[in-house]
Structure formats: C-alpha cells, structure tokens
Amino acid sequence: MGRKRHSAEEIVNKLREAEVLMSQGSSVAGACKQLGVHEQTYYKWRREYGGLKTDQAKRFKELEQENGRLKKLVAELSLDKQILEEVAKGRFSAAQHNF
C-alpha cells in the first residue's frame, strides 16, 4: 500500500478531529482508525504539530524545507572551501594524481 503525504494543514486538521473524537469518548486507537492513520503517525504528528494553528504549521513546513536547502548549501560551500585551501597549500597537484 502506498504512503500518502499529508500537507501541514491536513495534519493540523486531523489532529483537531482526533481531539474532538477523543473528547466524545473515543480511544486514541478508535480516533486514529476513523482518521485513517496509524497510532504512531498520530503521536509523531502530535509531537511535531501539537498546539500549532493551520497557518503556523504551513509556515513551519516552509521553514523546515528552507533550513534543509541552506544546510545543503553550507555543506557544498564548506567542501569547496576545503578544496581551495588544499590547492593553495600545494597539497594537490597533477603530478600526484595520474590524470
């Protein structure tokens, strides 16, 4: 069975639905079954998105993606810097590597 990716808004809405179902006497397992998610997924979502409003959750996801992009950029630039430092020190030459 394929996995469905839920948007941040969908996750917040499902967490709210789960709260309503549980306040009406349903168990966590029952609420998760009605929502169509696994209990582990529910707890993971609650840990990440608990207490967030829909617009905050959307912004949170955008910031996570931007953070990942920036981390990748920093790693690439650090590697470039290290290579340039080695070239400047003379550690890298065509004679050492058979091209």
N, C-alpha and C. Protein backbone atom coordinates (compact mmCIF):
# COMPACT_ATOMS: atom_id res chain seq x y z
N MET A 1 0.84 -1.18 0.00
CA MET A 1 0.00 0.00 0.00
C MET A 1 0.88 1.24 0.00
N GLY A 2 0.57 2.19 -0.85
CA GLY A 2 1.36 3.40 -0.96
C GLY A 2 1.15 4.34 0.21
N ARG A 3 2.14 5.18 0.44
CA ARG A 3 2.06 6.15 1.52
C ARG A 3 1.49 7.44 0.98
N LYS A 4 0.67 8.09 1.78
CA LYS A 4 0.12 9.38 1.40
C LYS A 4 0.85 10.45 2.19
N ARG A 5 1.29 11.46 1.51
CA ARG A 5 1.91 12.60 2.17
C ARG A 5 0.81 13.60 2.49
N HIS A 6 0.73 13.96 3.74
CA HIS A 6 -0.27 14.93 4.17
C HIS A 6 0.38 16.30 4.25
N SER A 7 -0.37 17.31 3.86
CA SER A 7 0.12 18.67 3.99
C SER A 7 0.05 19.08 5.46
N ALA A 8 0.73 20.13 5.80
CA ALA A 8 0.72 20.62 7.17
C ALA A 8 -0.69 20.97 7.62
N GLU A 9 -1.47 21.55 6.72
CA GLU A 9 -2.85 21.92 7.05
C GLU A 9 -3.69 20.68 7.33
N GLU A 10 -3.51 19.64 6.51
CA GLU A 10 -4.26 18.40 6.71
C GLU A 10 -3.90 17.76 8.05
N ILE A 11 -2.63 17.79 8.40
CA ILE A 11 -2.19 17.20 9.65
C ILE A 11 -2.83 17.92 10.84
N VAL A 12 -2.80 19.25 10.83
CA VAL A 12 -3.38 20.02 11.92
C VAL A 12 -4.87 19.74 12.01
N ASN A 13 -5.55 19.68 10.88
CA ASN A 13 -6.99 19.40 10.89
C ASN A 13 -7.28 18.00 11.43
N LYS A 14 -6.46 17.02 11.05
CA LYS A 14 -6.67 15.66 11.55
C LYS A 14 -6.40 15.58 13.05
N LEU A 15 -5.41 16.32 13.52
CA LEU A 15 -5.16 16.35 14.97
C LEU A 15 -6.34 16.95 15.71
N ARG A 16 -6.93 17.99 15.14
CA ARG A 16 -8.12 18.59 15.77
C ARG A 16 -9.28 17.61 15.76
N GLU A 17 -9.47 16.90 14.64
CA GLU A 17 -10.54 15.91 14.57
C GLU A 17 -10.33 14.83 15.62
N ALA A 18 -9.08 14.39 15.79
CA ALA A 18 -8.78 13.37 16.79
C ALA A 18 -9.11 13.87 18.19
N GLU A 19 -8.80 15.12 18.48
CA GLU A 19 -9.13 15.69 19.79
C GLU A 19 -10.63 15.67 20.03
N VAL A 20 -11.39 16.04 19.00
CA VAL A 20 -12.85 16.05 19.12
C VAL A 20 -13.37 14.63 19.37
N LEU A 21 -12.87 13.67 18.60
CA LEU A 21 -13.31 12.29 18.76
C LEU A 21 -12.98 11.75 20.14
N MET A 22 -11.80 12.08 20.64
CA MET A 22 -11.40 11.61 21.96
C MET A 22 -12.20 12.30 23.07
N SER A 23 -12.58 13.55 22.84
CA SER A 23 -13.40 14.24 23.84
C SER A 23 -14.81 13.67 23.88
N GLN A 24 -15.21 13.01 22.79
CA GLN A 24 -16.52 12.38 22.73
C GLN A 24 -16.48 10.94 23.26
N GLY A 25 -15.34 10.54 23.79
CA GLY A 25 -15.23 9.23 24.42
C GLY A 25 -14.50 8.18 23.62
N SER A 26 -14.05 8.50 22.46
CA SER A 26 -13.31 7.55 21.63
C SER A 26 -11.89 7.39 22.16
N SER A 27 -11.32 6.21 21.98
CA SER A 27 -9.92 5.99 22.37
C SER A 27 -9.01 6.52 21.28
N VAL A 28 -7.73 6.58 21.59
CA VAL A 28 -6.75 7.03 20.59
C VAL A 28 -6.79 6.09 19.39
N ALA A 29 -6.84 4.80 19.67
CA ALA A 29 -6.87 3.81 18.58
C ALA A 29 -8.12 3.99 17.72
N GLY A 30 -9.26 4.22 18.36
CA GLY A 30 -10.50 4.42 17.62
C GLY A 30 -10.47 5.68 16.78
N ALA A 31 -9.93 6.75 17.35
CA ALA A 31 -9.85 8.02 16.63
C ALA A 31 -8.91 7.88 15.43
N CYS A 32 -7.80 7.20 15.63
CA CYS A 32 -6.84 7.01 14.53
C CYS A 32 -7.46 6.17 13.42
N LYS A 33 -8.22 5.17 13.81
CA LYS A 33 -8.87 4.32 12.81
C LYS A 33 -9.86 5.13 11.97
N GLN A 34 -10.63 6.00 12.62
CA GLN A 34 -11.58 6.85 11.90
C GLN A 34 -10.88 7.84 10.98
N LEU A 35 -9.72 8.31 11.39
CA LEU A 35 -8.97 9.27 10.59
C LEU A 35 -8.15 8.60 9.50
N GLY A 36 -7.95 7.30 9.62
CA GLY A 36 -7.19 6.56 8.62
C GLY A 36 -5.69 6.70 8.76
N VAL A 37 -5.23 6.88 10.00
CA VAL A 37 -3.79 6.97 10.24
C VAL A 37 -3.40 5.98 11.34
N HIS A 38 -2.16 5.61 11.37
CA HIS A 38 -1.65 4.70 12.39
C HIS A 38 -1.43 5.49 13.68
N GLU A 39 -1.51 4.78 14.81
CA GLU A 39 -1.31 5.45 16.10
C GLU A 39 0.06 6.10 16.19
N GLN A 40 1.10 5.43 15.66
CA GLN A 40 2.45 6.01 15.70
C GLN A 40 2.50 7.31 14.91
N THR A 41 1.77 7.34 13.79
CA THR A 41 1.72 8.56 12.99
C THR A 41 1.05 9.68 13.78
N TYR A 42 -0.05 9.33 14.47
CA TYR A 42 -0.75 10.32 15.28
C TYR A 42 0.17 10.91 16.34
N TYR A 43 0.91 10.07 17.05
CA TYR A 43 1.80 10.57 18.10
C TYR A 43 2.95 11.39 17.53
N LYS A 44 3.45 10.97 16.36
CA LYS A 44 4.51 11.75 15.71
C LYS A 44 4.00 13.13 15.32
N TRP A 45 2.81 13.15 14.71
CA TRP A 45 2.21 14.43 14.33
C TRP A 45 1.96 15.29 15.56
N ARG A 46 1.44 14.70 16.62
CA ARG A 46 1.14 15.48 17.83
C ARG A 46 2.41 16.08 18.41
N ARG A 47 3.52 15.31 18.34
CA ARG A 47 4.80 15.82 18.85
C ARG A 47 5.28 17.00 18.00
N GLU A 48 5.12 16.89 16.66
CA GLU A 48 5.61 17.94 15.76
C GLU A 48 4.67 19.13 15.67
N TYR A 49 3.38 18.87 15.55
CA TYR A 49 2.41 19.92 15.23
C TYR A 49 1.46 20.25 16.36
N GLY A 50 1.57 19.58 17.48
CA GLY A 50 0.64 19.82 18.59
C GLY A 50 0.64 21.28 19.01
N GLY A 51 -0.52 21.88 19.07
CA GLY A 51 -0.65 23.26 19.50
C GLY A 51 -0.48 24.29 18.40
N LEU A 52 -0.16 23.86 17.19
CA LEU A 52 0.00 24.81 16.10
C LEU A 52 -1.33 25.06 15.40
N LYS A 53 -1.49 26.25 14.90
CA LYS A 53 -2.64 26.57 14.05
C LYS A 53 -2.26 26.23 12.62
N THR A 54 -3.25 26.19 11.75
CA THR A 54 -3.03 25.78 10.37
C THR A 54 -1.98 26.64 9.67
N ASP A 55 -2.08 27.96 9.81
CA ASP A 55 -1.11 28.84 9.13
C ASP A 55 0.29 28.69 9.73
N GLN A 56 0.36 28.44 11.03
CA GLN A 56 1.66 28.25 11.67
C GLN A 56 2.29 26.95 11.19
N ALA A 57 1.48 25.91 11.03
CA ALA A 57 2.00 24.63 10.56
C ALA A 57 2.54 24.74 9.14
N LYS A 58 1.84 25.49 8.31
CA LYS A 58 2.30 25.68 6.93
C LYS A 58 3.64 26.41 6.93
N ARG A 59 3.75 27.45 7.71
CA ARG A 59 4.99 28.22 7.80
C ARG A 59 6.13 27.36 8.35
N PHE A 60 5.79 26.51 9.34
CA PHE A 60 6.76 25.60 9.94
C PHE A 60 7.35 24.67 8.87
N LYS A 61 6.51 24.10 8.03
CA LYS A 61 6.97 23.22 6.96
C LYS A 61 7.86 23.98 5.97
N GLU A 62 7.46 25.20 5.63
CA GLU A 62 8.26 26.01 4.71
C GLU A 62 9.64 26.29 5.30
N LEU A 63 9.68 26.60 6.58
CA LEU A 63 10.96 26.88 7.24
C LEU A 63 11.84 25.63 7.31
N GLU A 64 11.22 24.46 7.54
CA GLU A 64 11.99 23.22 7.55
C GLU A 64 12.63 22.96 6.18
N GLN A 65 11.87 23.19 5.11
CA GLN A 65 12.41 22.99 3.77
C GLN A 65 13.53 23.98 3.47
N GLU A 66 13.36 25.22 3.86
CA GLU A 66 14.39 26.24 3.65
C GLU A 66 15.65 25.90 4.45
N ASN A 67 15.46 25.42 5.66
CA ASN A 67 16.59 25.04 6.51
C ASN A 67 17.37 23.90 5.86
N GLY A 68 16.68 22.91 5.34
CA GLY A 68 17.34 21.81 4.65
C GLY A 68 18.13 22.28 3.44
N ARG A 69 17.53 23.18 2.67
CA ARG A 69 18.20 23.73 1.49
C ARG A 69 19.47 24.49 1.90
N LEU A 70 19.38 25.29 2.95
CA LEU A 70 20.53 26.05 3.41
C LEU A 70 21.63 25.16 3.97
N LYS A 71 21.25 24.10 4.68
CA LYS A 71 22.25 23.17 5.20
C LYS A 71 23.02 22.51 4.06
N LYS A 72 22.31 22.15 3.01
CA LYS A 72 22.96 21.53 1.85
C LYS A 72 23.92 22.53 1.20
N LEU A 73 23.50 23.78 1.09
CA LEU A 73 24.34 24.82 0.50
C LEU A 73 25.60 25.04 1.33
N VAL A 74 25.46 25.07 2.65
CA VAL A 74 26.62 25.26 3.53
C VAL A 74 27.59 24.09 3.39
N ALA A 75 27.06 22.87 3.30
CA ALA A 75 27.93 21.70 3.14
C ALA A 75 28.71 21.78 1.83
N GLU A 76 28.04 22.17 0.75
CA GLU A 76 28.72 22.29 -0.54
C GLU A 76 29.79 23.38 -0.51
N LEU A 77 29.46 24.51 0.10
CA LEU A 77 30.43 25.60 0.18
C LEU A 77 31.62 25.24 1.07
N SER A 78 31.37 24.51 2.13
CA SER A 78 32.47 24.07 3.00
C SER A 78 33.41 23.14 2.26
N LEU A 79 32.84 22.25 1.46
CA LEU A 79 33.67 21.35 0.66
C LEU A 79 34.50 22.14 -0.36
N ASP A 80 33.87 23.08 -1.03
CA ASP A 80 34.59 23.93 -1.98
C ASP A 80 35.74 24.68 -1.30
N LYS A 81 35.47 25.21 -0.12
CA LYS A 81 36.48 25.96 0.62
C LYS A 81 37.65 25.06 0.99
N GLN A 82 37.34 23.84 1.44
CA GLN A 82 38.39 22.90 1.81
C GLN A 82 39.26 22.54 0.61
N ILE A 83 38.64 22.33 -0.53
CA ILE A 83 39.38 22.02 -1.75
C ILE A 83 40.29 23.18 -2.13
N LEU A 84 39.77 24.40 -2.07
CA LEU A 84 40.58 25.58 -2.42
C LEU A 84 41.74 25.78 -1.45
N GLU A 85 41.51 25.49 -0.17
CA GLU A 85 42.60 25.62 0.81
C GLU A 85 43.71 24.62 0.52
N GLU A 86 43.33 23.40 0.14
CA GLU A 86 44.34 22.39 -0.18
C GLU A 86 45.12 22.77 -1.43
N VAL A 87 44.44 23.31 -2.41
CA VAL A 87 45.12 23.76 -3.63
C VAL A 87 46.09 24.88 -3.31
N ALA A 88 45.66 25.80 -2.44
CA ALA A 88 46.51 26.94 -2.08
C ALA A 88 47.75 26.49 -1.31
N LYS A 89 47.65 25.42 -0.55
CA LYS A 89 48.79 24.92 0.22
C LYS A 89 49.71 24.06 -0.63
N GLY A 90 49.30 23.74 -1.82
CA GLY A 90 50.13 22.93 -2.70
C GLY A 90 50.02 21.45 -2.45
N ARG A 91 49.00 21.01 -1.74
CA ARG A 91 48.83 19.59 -1.45
C ARG A 91 48.25 18.83 -2.64
N PHE A 92 47.70 19.54 -3.54
CA PHE A 92 47.04 18.91 -4.68
C PHE A 92 47.77 19.31 -5.94
N SER A 93 48.28 18.35 -6.63
CA SER A 93 48.94 18.67 -7.91
C SER A 93 48.65 17.54 -8.89
N ALA A 94 48.76 17.85 -10.18
CA ALA A 94 48.50 16.86 -11.21
C ALA A 94 49.55 15.75 -11.16
N ALA A 95 50.74 16.03 -10.66
CA ALA A 95 51.79 15.04 -10.60
C ALA A 95 51.45 13.94 -9.59
N GLN A 96 50.73 14.29 -8.53
CA GLN A 96 50.37 13.31 -7.52
C GLN A 96 49.29 12.38 -8.02
N HIS A 97 48.44 12.86 -8.88
CA HIS A 97 47.34 12.06 -9.41
C HIS A 97 47.57 11.83 -10.88
N ASN A 98 47.52 10.61 -11.28
CA ASN A 98 47.73 10.25 -12.69
C ASN A 98 46.47 10.52 -13.47
N PHE A 99 46.45 11.65 -14.16
CA PHE A 99 45.26 12.04 -14.94
C PHE A 99 45.40 11.55 -16.32
